[in-house]
Each structure stands twice: as C-alpha cells, then as structure tokens.
N, C-alpha and C. Protein backbone atom coordinates (compact mmCIF):
# COMPACT_ATOMS: atom_id res chain seq x y z
N MET A 1 -61.34 55.05 79.57
CA MET A 1 -62.43 54.88 78.74
C MET A 1 -61.59 55.40 76.84
N LYS A 2 -61.50 56.69 77.33
CA LYS A 2 -61.04 57.35 76.52
C LYS A 2 -59.71 57.08 75.63
N ALA A 3 -59.15 56.26 76.08
CA ALA A 3 -57.48 55.84 76.00
C ALA A 3 -57.93 54.45 75.44
N ARG A 4 -58.65 53.68 75.09
CA ARG A 4 -59.32 52.54 74.90
C ARG A 4 -59.89 52.53 73.15
N ASN A 5 -60.65 53.93 73.08
CA ASN A 5 -61.42 54.55 72.01
C ASN A 5 -59.67 55.53 71.24
N THR A 6 -59.11 55.81 71.71
CA THR A 6 -57.69 56.31 71.24
C THR A 6 -56.85 55.05 70.52
N ALA A 7 -56.54 54.22 71.33
CA ALA A 7 -55.75 52.90 70.43
C ALA A 7 -56.57 52.22 69.89
N ALA A 8 -58.22 52.14 69.89
CA ALA A 8 -58.77 51.06 68.69
C ALA A 8 -58.61 52.39 67.37
N LEU A 9 -58.67 53.43 67.68
CA LEU A 9 -58.37 54.14 66.07
C LEU A 9 -57.27 54.34 65.52
N ARG A 10 -56.17 54.39 66.34
CA ARG A 10 -54.90 54.13 65.77
C ARG A 10 -54.92 52.86 65.30
N ILE A 11 -55.18 52.02 65.69
CA ILE A 11 -55.03 50.67 65.30
C ILE A 11 -55.72 50.10 64.32
N GLY A 12 -57.03 51.09 64.30
CA GLY A 12 -57.82 50.75 62.99
C GLY A 12 -57.71 51.73 61.79
N GLY A 13 -56.91 52.57 62.27
CA GLY A 13 -56.19 53.79 61.28
C GLY A 13 -54.90 52.62 60.58
N MET A 14 -54.10 52.23 61.24
CA MET A 14 -52.68 51.32 61.22
C MET A 14 -53.49 50.01 60.27
N MET A 15 -54.76 49.31 60.67
CA MET A 15 -55.02 48.47 59.51
C MET A 15 -55.64 49.04 58.05
N LEU A 16 -56.24 50.20 58.51
CA LEU A 16 -56.53 50.69 56.88
C LEU A 16 -55.38 51.20 56.03
N GLY A 17 -54.21 51.39 56.89
CA GLY A 17 -53.12 51.77 56.00
C GLY A 17 -52.78 50.72 55.29
N ILE A 18 -52.26 49.72 56.12
CA ILE A 18 -51.47 48.79 55.82
C ILE A 18 -52.95 47.72 54.22
N SER A 19 -54.17 47.79 55.01
CA SER A 19 -54.61 47.50 53.73
C SER A 19 -54.34 48.16 52.43
N MET A 20 -54.53 49.77 52.31
CA MET A 20 -54.86 50.53 51.13
C MET A 20 -53.37 49.93 50.50
N ALA A 21 -52.27 50.10 51.12
CA ALA A 21 -50.95 50.05 50.49
C ALA A 21 -51.19 48.27 49.76
N SER A 22 -51.49 47.25 50.24
CA SER A 22 -51.46 46.35 49.71
C SER A 22 -51.82 45.88 48.41
N VAL A 23 -53.25 46.82 48.48
CA VAL A 23 -53.93 47.12 47.36
C VAL A 23 -53.40 48.15 46.46
N ALA A 24 -52.43 49.11 46.78
CA ALA A 24 -51.68 50.00 45.87
C ALA A 24 -50.17 48.95 45.32
N MET A 25 -49.98 48.21 46.06
CA MET A 25 -48.46 47.85 45.82
C MET A 25 -48.57 47.30 44.57
N PRO A 26 -49.50 46.49 43.41
CA PRO A 26 -49.03 46.35 42.01
C PRO A 26 -48.55 47.00 41.14
N TYR A 27 -49.72 47.96 41.87
CA TYR A 27 -49.80 49.13 40.98
C TYR A 27 -48.02 49.79 40.65
N VAL A 28 -47.69 49.94 42.10
CA VAL A 28 -46.77 50.59 42.14
C VAL A 28 -45.36 49.97 41.81
N ALA A 29 -45.36 48.34 41.26
CA ALA A 29 -44.53 47.52 41.11
C ALA A 29 -44.52 47.62 39.29
N LEU A 30 -45.50 48.57 38.59
CA LEU A 30 -45.50 48.81 37.41
C LEU A 30 -45.42 49.47 37.33
N ALA A 31 -44.87 50.47 37.46
CA ALA A 31 -45.00 52.31 37.50
C ALA A 31 -43.28 52.17 37.58
N HIS A 32 -42.58 51.50 37.52
CA HIS A 32 -40.81 51.36 37.40
C HIS A 32 -40.52 51.69 35.89
N GLY A 33 -39.97 52.29 35.56
CA GLY A 33 -39.42 52.94 34.50
C GLY A 33 -38.57 51.61 33.58
N PRO A 34 -37.47 52.02 32.11
CA PRO A 34 -37.14 50.99 31.38
C PRO A 34 -36.60 50.39 32.15
N THR A 35 -35.60 49.50 31.58
CA THR A 35 -34.97 48.42 31.97
C THR A 35 -33.93 47.73 31.47
N ARG A 36 -32.59 48.39 31.89
CA ARG A 36 -31.60 48.18 31.27
C ARG A 36 -31.34 47.11 30.44
N GLN A 37 -31.59 47.05 29.24
CA GLN A 37 -31.57 45.76 27.89
C GLN A 37 -29.75 45.53 27.45
N LYS A 38 -29.57 44.33 26.89
CA LYS A 38 -28.63 43.91 26.46
C LYS A 38 -28.06 43.50 25.07
N VAL A 39 -27.13 44.09 24.42
CA VAL A 39 -27.11 43.16 23.43
C VAL A 39 -25.46 42.56 22.87
N THR A 40 -25.35 41.70 22.75
CA THR A 40 -23.99 40.61 22.91
C THR A 40 -24.14 39.93 21.17
N GLU A 41 -23.21 40.22 20.59
CA GLU A 41 -22.84 39.75 19.41
C GLU A 41 -21.08 39.79 19.11
N SER A 42 -21.14 38.42 18.16
CA SER A 42 -19.61 38.11 17.60
C SER A 42 -20.01 38.07 15.93
N VAL A 43 -18.34 38.15 15.85
CA VAL A 43 -18.27 37.47 14.01
C VAL A 43 -16.57 37.09 14.11
N GLU A 44 -16.59 35.59 13.20
CA GLU A 44 -15.42 35.22 13.18
C GLU A 44 -14.88 35.76 12.08
N ILE A 45 -13.34 35.96 11.95
CA ILE A 45 -13.14 36.43 11.12
C ILE A 45 -12.11 35.61 10.20
N ASN A 46 -11.40 35.82 9.14
CA ASN A 46 -9.95 34.61 8.57
C ASN A 46 -9.59 35.91 8.51
N ALA A 47 -8.87 36.06 9.64
CA ALA A 47 -7.50 37.33 10.06
C ALA A 47 -6.69 36.83 11.24
N PRO A 48 -5.72 36.90 11.39
CA PRO A 48 -5.14 37.01 12.68
C PRO A 48 -5.57 38.10 13.15
N ALA A 49 -5.98 37.52 14.68
CA ALA A 49 -6.39 38.64 16.27
C ALA A 49 -5.43 40.39 16.18
N ALA A 50 -3.71 40.02 15.84
CA ALA A 50 -3.45 40.90 15.88
C ALA A 50 -3.69 42.31 14.75
N LYS A 51 -4.29 41.60 13.31
CA LYS A 51 -4.23 42.33 12.52
C LYS A 51 -5.45 42.92 12.66
N VAL A 52 -6.38 42.48 13.15
CA VAL A 52 -7.71 42.81 13.05
C VAL A 52 -7.73 43.62 14.35
N TRP A 53 -6.90 43.60 15.76
CA TRP A 53 -6.80 44.70 16.87
C TRP A 53 -6.17 45.87 16.00
N ALA A 54 -5.20 46.26 15.10
CA ALA A 54 -4.24 46.73 14.40
C ALA A 54 -5.52 47.77 13.51
N THR A 55 -6.47 47.40 13.47
CA THR A 55 -7.55 47.71 12.47
C THR A 55 -8.27 48.73 12.99
N ILE A 56 -9.05 48.10 14.69
CA ILE A 56 -10.28 48.62 15.32
C ILE A 56 -9.35 48.89 16.81
N GLY A 57 -8.17 49.13 17.15
CA GLY A 57 -7.92 49.22 18.69
C GLY A 57 -7.40 50.54 18.74
N ASN A 58 -7.60 51.46 17.45
CA ASN A 58 -6.90 52.32 18.05
C ASN A 58 -8.33 53.44 18.33
N PHE A 59 -8.86 53.81 19.36
CA PHE A 59 -10.30 54.11 19.71
C PHE A 59 -10.82 55.52 19.16
N GLN A 60 -9.55 56.38 18.06
CA GLN A 60 -10.12 57.78 17.60
C GLN A 60 -10.28 57.33 16.43
N ASN A 61 -10.13 55.90 16.01
CA ASN A 61 -10.15 56.03 14.21
C ASN A 61 -11.31 54.50 14.08
N MET A 62 -12.46 55.22 13.58
CA MET A 62 -13.91 54.48 13.02
C MET A 62 -14.04 54.22 11.49
N ALA A 63 -12.52 54.15 11.14
CA ALA A 63 -12.27 54.18 9.22
C ALA A 63 -13.32 52.78 9.08
N TRP A 64 -12.71 52.11 10.03
CA TRP A 64 -13.66 50.58 9.44
C TRP A 64 -14.90 49.81 9.24
N CYS A 65 -15.59 51.17 9.67
CA CYS A 65 -17.37 50.67 9.76
C CYS A 65 -17.49 52.16 8.46
N ASP A 66 -18.30 51.23 7.61
CA ASP A 66 -18.49 51.65 6.23
C ASP A 66 -19.60 52.97 6.33
N ASP A 67 -20.37 53.52 7.21
CA ASP A 67 -20.81 54.84 7.28
C ASP A 67 -20.73 55.69 7.94
N VAL A 68 -19.14 55.84 8.61
CA VAL A 68 -18.64 56.83 9.20
C VAL A 68 -17.46 57.70 8.14
N ALA A 69 -17.92 59.10 8.15
CA ALA A 69 -17.24 59.79 7.27
C ALA A 69 -16.11 60.12 8.28
N LYS A 70 -15.71 60.56 9.35
CA LYS A 70 -14.53 60.99 9.70
C LYS A 70 -15.01 60.90 11.44
N THR A 71 -13.60 60.75 12.18
CA THR A 71 -14.23 60.46 13.55
C THR A 71 -12.84 62.03 14.20
N THR A 72 -13.00 62.50 15.26
CA THR A 72 -12.09 63.22 15.69
C THR A 72 -12.39 62.78 17.18
N GLY A 73 -11.05 63.30 17.87
CA GLY A 73 -11.15 63.20 19.10
C GLY A 73 -10.02 63.67 20.09
N THR A 74 -9.84 63.59 21.02
CA THR A 74 -8.67 64.03 22.10
C THR A 74 -8.64 62.75 22.84
N GLY A 75 -6.85 62.51 23.70
CA GLY A 75 -6.79 62.03 24.30
C GLY A 75 -6.66 60.21 24.33
N GLY A 76 -6.38 60.20 22.90
CA GLY A 76 -5.58 58.52 22.54
C GLY A 76 -6.47 57.88 22.59
N ASN A 77 -5.17 56.92 23.60
CA ASN A 77 -6.66 55.45 23.97
C ASN A 77 -6.39 55.29 25.55
N VAL A 78 -6.31 56.52 26.58
CA VAL A 78 -6.24 56.97 27.56
C VAL A 78 -7.42 56.64 28.03
N PRO A 79 -8.13 55.80 29.09
CA PRO A 79 -9.01 55.40 30.05
C PRO A 79 -9.35 56.95 30.19
N ASN A 80 -11.07 56.99 30.42
CA ASN A 80 -11.49 58.43 31.21
C ASN A 80 -10.59 59.52 30.74
N THR A 81 -9.74 60.18 29.89
CA THR A 81 -9.29 61.34 29.25
C THR A 81 -9.58 61.40 27.70
N ALA A 82 -9.56 60.24 26.45
CA ALA A 82 -9.99 60.08 25.86
C ALA A 82 -11.78 60.03 25.19
N ASN A 83 -11.82 60.83 24.19
CA ASN A 83 -12.67 60.76 23.48
C ASN A 83 -12.96 61.20 22.33
N ARG A 84 -14.31 61.41 21.53
CA ARG A 84 -14.37 61.35 20.38
C ARG A 84 -15.88 61.29 19.50
N VAL A 85 -15.75 61.56 18.56
CA VAL A 85 -17.06 62.14 17.90
C VAL A 85 -16.84 61.64 16.87
N ILE A 86 -18.01 60.63 16.15
CA ILE A 86 -18.33 59.68 15.60
C ILE A 86 -18.87 61.03 14.43
N THR A 87 -18.88 61.03 13.01
CA THR A 87 -19.94 61.61 12.21
C THR A 87 -19.83 60.86 11.19
N LEU A 88 -21.39 60.11 11.06
CA LEU A 88 -21.73 59.39 10.18
C LEU A 88 -21.88 60.08 8.65
N LYS A 89 -21.77 59.43 7.82
CA LYS A 89 -22.06 59.75 6.57
C LYS A 89 -23.32 60.56 6.21
N SER A 90 -24.20 60.45 7.22
CA SER A 90 -25.61 61.50 6.93
C SER A 90 -25.48 62.17 7.81
N GLY A 91 -24.31 62.82 8.39
CA GLY A 91 -24.21 63.61 8.61
C GLY A 91 -24.16 64.08 10.75
N ALA A 92 -25.14 63.07 10.93
CA ALA A 92 -25.16 62.62 12.59
C ALA A 92 -24.15 62.44 13.32
N THR A 93 -23.37 62.93 14.10
CA THR A 93 -22.62 62.97 15.12
C THR A 93 -22.98 61.80 16.31
N ILE A 94 -22.02 61.12 16.63
CA ILE A 94 -21.97 60.11 18.42
C ILE A 94 -20.67 61.14 18.78
N THR A 95 -21.17 61.19 20.10
CA THR A 95 -20.20 61.44 20.84
C THR A 95 -19.96 60.28 21.75
N GLN A 96 -18.53 60.07 22.38
CA GLN A 96 -18.14 58.85 23.51
C GLN A 96 -17.18 59.10 24.08
N ASP A 97 -16.99 58.61 25.27
CA ASP A 97 -15.54 58.51 25.96
C ASP A 97 -14.87 57.14 26.38
N LEU A 98 -13.68 56.83 26.08
CA LEU A 98 -12.87 55.97 26.25
C LEU A 98 -13.37 55.72 28.04
N THR A 99 -14.11 54.30 28.29
CA THR A 99 -14.11 54.03 29.55
C THR A 99 -12.77 52.87 30.27
N ARG A 100 -12.50 52.04 28.87
CA ARG A 100 -11.55 51.59 29.44
C ARG A 100 -10.53 50.88 28.27
N TYR A 101 -9.46 50.69 27.90
CA TYR A 101 -8.25 50.06 27.00
C TYR A 101 -7.83 49.21 27.95
N ASP A 102 -7.84 47.75 27.35
CA ASP A 102 -6.65 46.97 27.42
C ASP A 102 -5.71 46.60 25.96
N ALA A 103 -4.93 47.34 25.18
CA ALA A 103 -4.66 46.24 24.22
C ALA A 103 -3.75 44.94 24.38
N LYS A 104 -3.02 44.70 25.44
CA LYS A 104 -2.84 43.19 25.73
C LYS A 104 -3.73 41.89 25.68
N GLU A 105 -4.68 42.71 26.05
CA GLU A 105 -6.18 41.53 25.84
C GLU A 105 -7.25 41.82 25.24
N MET A 106 -6.88 43.23 24.00
CA MET A 106 -7.22 43.71 22.64
C MET A 106 -8.57 43.77 22.68
N SER A 107 -9.13 44.64 23.67
CA SER A 107 -10.57 45.22 24.09
C SER A 107 -10.44 46.45 25.00
N TYR A 108 -11.45 47.40 24.27
CA TYR A 108 -12.14 48.56 24.77
C TYR A 108 -13.27 48.51 25.42
N GLY A 109 -13.50 49.71 26.25
CA GLY A 109 -14.78 50.20 26.27
C GLY A 109 -14.99 51.29 26.54
N TYR A 110 -16.28 52.08 25.95
CA TYR A 110 -16.57 53.47 26.02
C TYR A 110 -17.87 53.42 26.50
N PHE A 111 -18.64 54.93 26.47
CA PHE A 111 -19.83 55.05 27.22
C PHE A 111 -19.65 56.31 25.87
N THR A 112 -21.30 56.42 25.50
CA THR A 112 -21.81 57.17 24.60
C THR A 112 -22.44 58.11 25.31
N ASP A 113 -21.98 59.79 25.18
CA ASP A 113 -22.39 60.86 25.69
C ASP A 113 -23.59 61.86 25.24
N LYS A 114 -23.73 61.42 23.91
CA LYS A 114 -24.85 61.84 22.95
C LYS A 114 -24.74 61.47 21.62
N ILE A 115 -26.35 60.95 21.43
CA ILE A 115 -26.27 60.48 20.23
C ILE A 115 -27.76 60.87 19.88
N ASP A 116 -28.73 60.91 18.61
CA ASP A 116 -29.41 61.56 17.45
C ASP A 116 -30.28 60.23 18.07
N ILE A 117 -31.87 59.92 19.35
CA ILE A 117 -32.51 58.96 18.69
C ILE A 117 -33.00 58.51 17.54
N LYS A 118 -32.94 59.57 16.81
CA LYS A 118 -33.34 59.10 14.99
C LYS A 118 -31.90 58.20 14.74
N VAL A 119 -31.08 58.10 14.97
CA VAL A 119 -29.94 57.58 14.58
C VAL A 119 -29.56 56.30 15.43
N LEU A 120 -30.05 55.98 16.69
CA LEU A 120 -29.61 54.71 17.69
C LEU A 120 -30.94 54.95 18.54
N PRO A 121 -31.86 54.88 19.06
CA PRO A 121 -33.11 54.69 19.64
C PRO A 121 -32.74 54.54 21.10
N VAL A 122 -31.75 55.11 21.96
CA VAL A 122 -31.45 54.61 23.10
C VAL A 122 -31.20 56.00 23.89
N ASN A 123 -31.12 55.22 25.44
CA ASN A 123 -30.04 56.11 26.23
C ASN A 123 -28.81 55.28 27.05
N ASP A 124 -28.29 55.98 27.82
CA ASP A 124 -26.92 55.30 28.81
C ASP A 124 -26.14 54.57 27.77
N TYR A 125 -26.02 54.69 26.72
CA TYR A 125 -25.94 53.33 26.02
C TYR A 125 -23.88 53.36 26.16
N SER A 126 -23.23 51.92 26.51
CA SER A 126 -22.07 51.72 26.41
C SER A 126 -21.82 50.22 26.00
N GLY A 127 -20.32 50.54 25.70
CA GLY A 127 -20.39 49.11 24.97
C GLY A 127 -18.60 49.15 25.08
N GLU A 128 -18.92 47.50 24.92
CA GLU A 128 -16.98 46.85 24.97
C GLU A 128 -17.18 45.94 23.62
N ILE A 129 -15.83 46.30 23.09
CA ILE A 129 -15.36 45.58 21.78
C ILE A 129 -14.18 44.78 22.81
N LYS A 130 -14.24 43.17 22.00
CA LYS A 130 -12.96 42.65 22.15
C LYS A 130 -12.79 41.69 20.87
N VAL A 131 -11.00 42.07 20.89
CA VAL A 131 -10.66 40.88 19.65
C VAL A 131 -10.16 39.47 20.51
N ILE A 132 -10.36 38.04 20.21
CA ILE A 132 -10.44 37.14 20.85
C ILE A 132 -9.72 36.30 19.33
N PRO A 133 -8.09 36.35 20.19
CA PRO A 133 -7.20 35.22 18.77
C PRO A 133 -7.95 33.31 18.68
N GLU A 134 -8.35 33.18 17.72
CA GLU A 134 -8.74 31.90 17.74
C GLU A 134 -7.86 31.01 16.43
N GLY A 135 -6.42 30.46 17.11
CA GLY A 135 -5.68 29.86 15.87
C GLY A 135 -4.79 30.97 15.45
N ALA A 136 -3.92 30.87 14.59
CA ALA A 136 -2.68 31.61 13.77
C ALA A 136 -3.49 32.53 12.55
N ASN A 137 -4.52 32.29 12.10
CA ASN A 137 -5.08 33.09 10.86
C ASN A 137 -6.63 33.25 11.46
N LYS A 138 -7.18 32.52 12.15
CA LYS A 138 -8.23 33.39 12.61
C LYS A 138 -8.45 34.10 14.05
N SER A 139 -10.00 35.15 14.00
CA SER A 139 -10.33 35.35 15.38
C SER A 139 -11.44 35.62 15.28
N LYS A 140 -11.94 36.37 16.85
CA LYS A 140 -13.44 36.46 17.06
C LYS A 140 -13.54 38.30 17.59
N VAL A 141 -14.24 38.46 16.76
CA VAL A 141 -14.38 39.82 17.51
C VAL A 141 -16.31 40.11 18.10
N SER A 142 -15.71 40.28 19.50
CA SER A 142 -17.45 40.53 20.21
C SER A 142 -17.50 42.17 20.44
N TRP A 143 -18.73 41.88 20.40
CA TRP A 143 -19.17 43.80 20.60
C TRP A 143 -20.53 43.30 21.81
N GLU A 144 -20.45 44.19 22.87
CA GLU A 144 -21.44 44.11 24.11
C GLU A 144 -21.72 45.36 23.78
N ALA A 145 -23.06 45.34 23.77
CA ALA A 145 -23.64 46.27 24.01
C ALA A 145 -25.12 47.02 25.12
N ALA A 146 -24.98 47.67 26.49
CA ALA A 146 -25.94 47.91 27.33
C ALA A 146 -26.22 49.24 26.99
N PHE A 147 -27.78 49.54 27.14
CA PHE A 147 -28.38 50.94 27.16
C PHE A 147 -29.87 50.49 27.65
N TYR A 148 -30.30 51.56 27.87
CA TYR A 148 -31.87 52.14 28.22
C TYR A 148 -32.58 52.88 26.94
N ARG A 149 -34.11 51.89 26.50
CA ARG A 149 -34.45 53.13 25.59
C ARG A 149 -34.66 54.04 25.39
N GLY A 150 -34.80 54.20 24.23
CA GLY A 150 -35.10 56.18 23.73
C GLY A 150 -35.91 56.58 24.59
N TYR A 151 -37.28 56.25 25.40
CA TYR A 151 -37.65 56.69 25.82
C TYR A 151 -38.02 56.32 27.15
N MET A 152 -37.47 57.43 28.40
CA MET A 152 -37.23 56.76 30.11
C MET A 152 -38.48 57.06 30.54
N ASN A 153 -39.29 57.53 30.17
CA ASN A 153 -41.04 57.20 31.42
C ASN A 153 -41.45 56.13 30.64
N ASN A 154 -42.70 55.90 31.07
CA ASN A 154 -43.35 54.97 31.23
C ASN A 154 -44.27 55.50 29.60
N ASP A 155 -44.60 54.09 29.00
CA ASP A 155 -45.65 54.00 28.11
C ASP A 155 -44.65 55.30 26.94
N PRO A 156 -43.88 54.24 26.64
CA PRO A 156 -42.84 54.80 25.40
C PRO A 156 -43.74 55.08 23.81
N PRO A 157 -43.44 55.70 23.33
CA PRO A 157 -43.85 55.29 21.82
C PRO A 157 -43.09 54.43 21.38
N PRO A 158 -44.04 53.28 20.07
CA PRO A 158 -43.46 52.30 19.35
C PRO A 158 -41.84 52.80 18.81
N ASN A 159 -41.98 53.52 18.32
CA ASN A 159 -40.29 53.34 18.22
C ASN A 159 -39.16 53.86 19.26
N LEU A 160 -39.71 54.30 20.45
CA LEU A 160 -38.91 54.53 21.45
C LEU A 160 -38.71 53.22 22.48
N SER A 161 -39.50 51.92 22.26
CA SER A 161 -40.05 51.05 23.09
C SER A 161 -38.61 50.12 23.71
N ASP A 162 -38.48 49.23 24.17
CA ASP A 162 -37.42 48.70 24.82
C ASP A 162 -37.11 47.65 23.35
N ASP A 163 -38.47 46.74 22.92
CA ASP A 163 -38.19 46.14 21.57
C ASP A 163 -37.68 46.91 20.38
N ALA A 164 -37.62 48.42 20.16
CA ALA A 164 -37.45 48.84 18.78
C ALA A 164 -35.81 49.32 19.09
N SER A 165 -35.51 49.81 20.69
CA SER A 165 -34.37 49.97 21.18
C SER A 165 -32.98 48.51 20.50
N LEU A 166 -33.63 47.32 20.86
CA LEU A 166 -33.15 45.82 20.81
C LEU A 166 -32.44 46.10 19.86
N LYS A 167 -33.72 46.04 18.80
CA LYS A 167 -33.71 45.93 17.16
C LYS A 167 -32.74 46.69 16.63
N ALA A 168 -32.87 47.76 16.79
CA ALA A 168 -31.79 48.90 16.30
C ALA A 168 -30.57 48.66 17.07
N VAL A 169 -30.28 48.20 18.17
CA VAL A 169 -29.01 48.02 18.38
C VAL A 169 -28.27 46.62 18.00
N THR A 170 -29.09 45.28 17.48
CA THR A 170 -28.70 44.77 17.64
C THR A 170 -28.44 44.66 15.97
N LYS A 171 -28.91 45.67 15.15
CA LYS A 171 -28.43 45.70 13.61
C LYS A 171 -27.81 47.08 13.27
N TRP A 172 -27.51 47.75 14.24
CA TRP A 172 -26.20 48.41 14.23
C TRP A 172 -24.91 47.76 15.09
N VAL A 173 -25.20 46.78 15.93
CA VAL A 173 -23.83 46.26 15.67
C VAL A 173 -23.39 45.00 14.98
N ARG A 174 -24.43 44.52 14.50
CA ARG A 174 -24.36 43.18 13.55
C ARG A 174 -23.60 43.67 12.38
N THR A 175 -24.37 45.20 11.86
CA THR A 175 -23.95 45.63 10.71
C THR A 175 -22.74 45.78 10.92
N ARG A 176 -21.74 46.42 11.48
CA ARG A 176 -20.51 47.25 11.69
C ARG A 176 -19.79 45.60 11.79
N LEU A 177 -20.40 44.70 12.61
CA LEU A 177 -19.19 43.30 12.65
C LEU A 177 -19.15 42.24 11.37
N ASP A 178 -20.09 42.58 10.66
CA ASP A 178 -20.06 41.98 9.65
C ASP A 178 -19.46 42.70 8.08
N GLY A 179 -19.40 44.21 8.08
CA GLY A 179 -18.65 44.35 7.38
C GLY A 179 -17.58 44.85 7.96
N LEU A 180 -16.94 44.65 8.94
CA LEU A 180 -15.37 44.73 9.62
C LEU A 180 -14.85 43.18 8.72
N LYS A 181 -15.74 42.04 9.24
CA LYS A 181 -15.79 41.16 8.39
C LYS A 181 -14.93 40.94 7.13
N THR A 182 -15.60 41.55 6.36
CA THR A 182 -15.88 41.98 4.72
C THR A 182 -14.37 42.34 4.83
N LYS A 183 -14.13 43.38 5.71
CA LYS A 183 -13.22 44.47 4.60
C LYS A 183 -11.92 43.35 5.48
N MET A 184 -11.73 43.04 6.47
CA MET A 184 -10.55 42.27 6.86
C MET A 184 -10.36 41.11 6.18
N GLU A 185 -10.94 40.21 5.43
CA GLU A 185 -10.98 39.15 5.15
C GLU A 185 -10.34 39.80 3.28
N ALA A 186 -10.98 40.54 3.16
CA ALA A 186 -10.57 41.09 1.59
C ALA A 186 -9.23 41.24 1.41
N THR A 187 -8.67 42.05 2.76
CA THR A 187 -7.11 42.28 2.83
C THR A 187 -6.65 41.21 3.12
N HIS A 188 -6.79 40.28 3.50
CA HIS A 188 -6.07 38.99 4.42
C HIS A 188 -5.72 37.85 3.20
C-alpha cells in the first residue's frame, strides 16, 4: 500500500512539474536577449570598379569617408593580423580587425572591437564591403553590416533598441556610400 502511495505522489509531482513548465514556457521564450540585426546597402558609381577598389581597398585607409580625420593601423591587408583605428573628426575612435580580404574579388570583411555607442549604438558589429564591376565604366559597391543593438539585456532604452540600432547603422552605411559615390564621380 505504501509503495502505491509513493508512486502516486511521484506521478502527481511529475504532472505538477510538467504543468508548471507549460505555464512558464511562454515567458521563457520572451526572456531571450537581443536578435542579430543586418543591414545591406549598395550604390552604383559611374567609375570603373578597379578605380573604386583602388580608393577603398586598403583596409588601413578610410580617407574616402568625409567624417574620418585619420586612420592608423598595423598588418596591412592580412586577415586576422591587420587592424585599424579610425579617428573621426568628432574625436571618437573605432577599432577594427580585418577578418577577410580578397583583392581579386575586391572585397574585405572586418569586425569592430571597440566603438562608442554614442557614435553607433551597437555591439558585436561586423561588416563586409565589396566592389562589383558593372561594365567598363560603372561599378556597384555593396556594404553589409551585422550587429546587435546597443543594449544587450532585455528592455533596452529607446536610444539603444533594435530600431535605433537599425536606423543608425543604415544611416552610417548609406552616408559613407553616398559620399564615396560623390567623390568617385567628381574625379572620374
């Protein structure tokens, strides 16, 4: 008799546990952190791809961006060795590592080690820039960025939310691509 009661208690306890878990499940699903965001932008430039690549293909030179005061770095264009520190005209700095470089394909990828969230409200930002030939005197530059919002916990403040991060990165990339187009077409 005692064995039956113990078995009944165990089964009842398991049922209660399963019941409690099913009630808690929806809340667990809502309690995850931020989701990786992506931005992809491109611009068509009336200049040969080789000329565009000659301007942007050196990882250590960001002079083609209007808001960059200087770029310093080490390692040239060697993936997993090269790094750069971009100093903006505002005085803020961004530290990045080269993760992939392909001169033949006219593309490179990078990871951002350090960025002030006042400059760009993101975490774990990585990017890829690629120049695509589109005829003899035309090219397309594609820039992909992947990142997490500026606040990595739940309930971010509005300025560090997914929406704020998406808007800021889209503006960041778009401004640089449009500036590159203007510079390249003015000298072509």
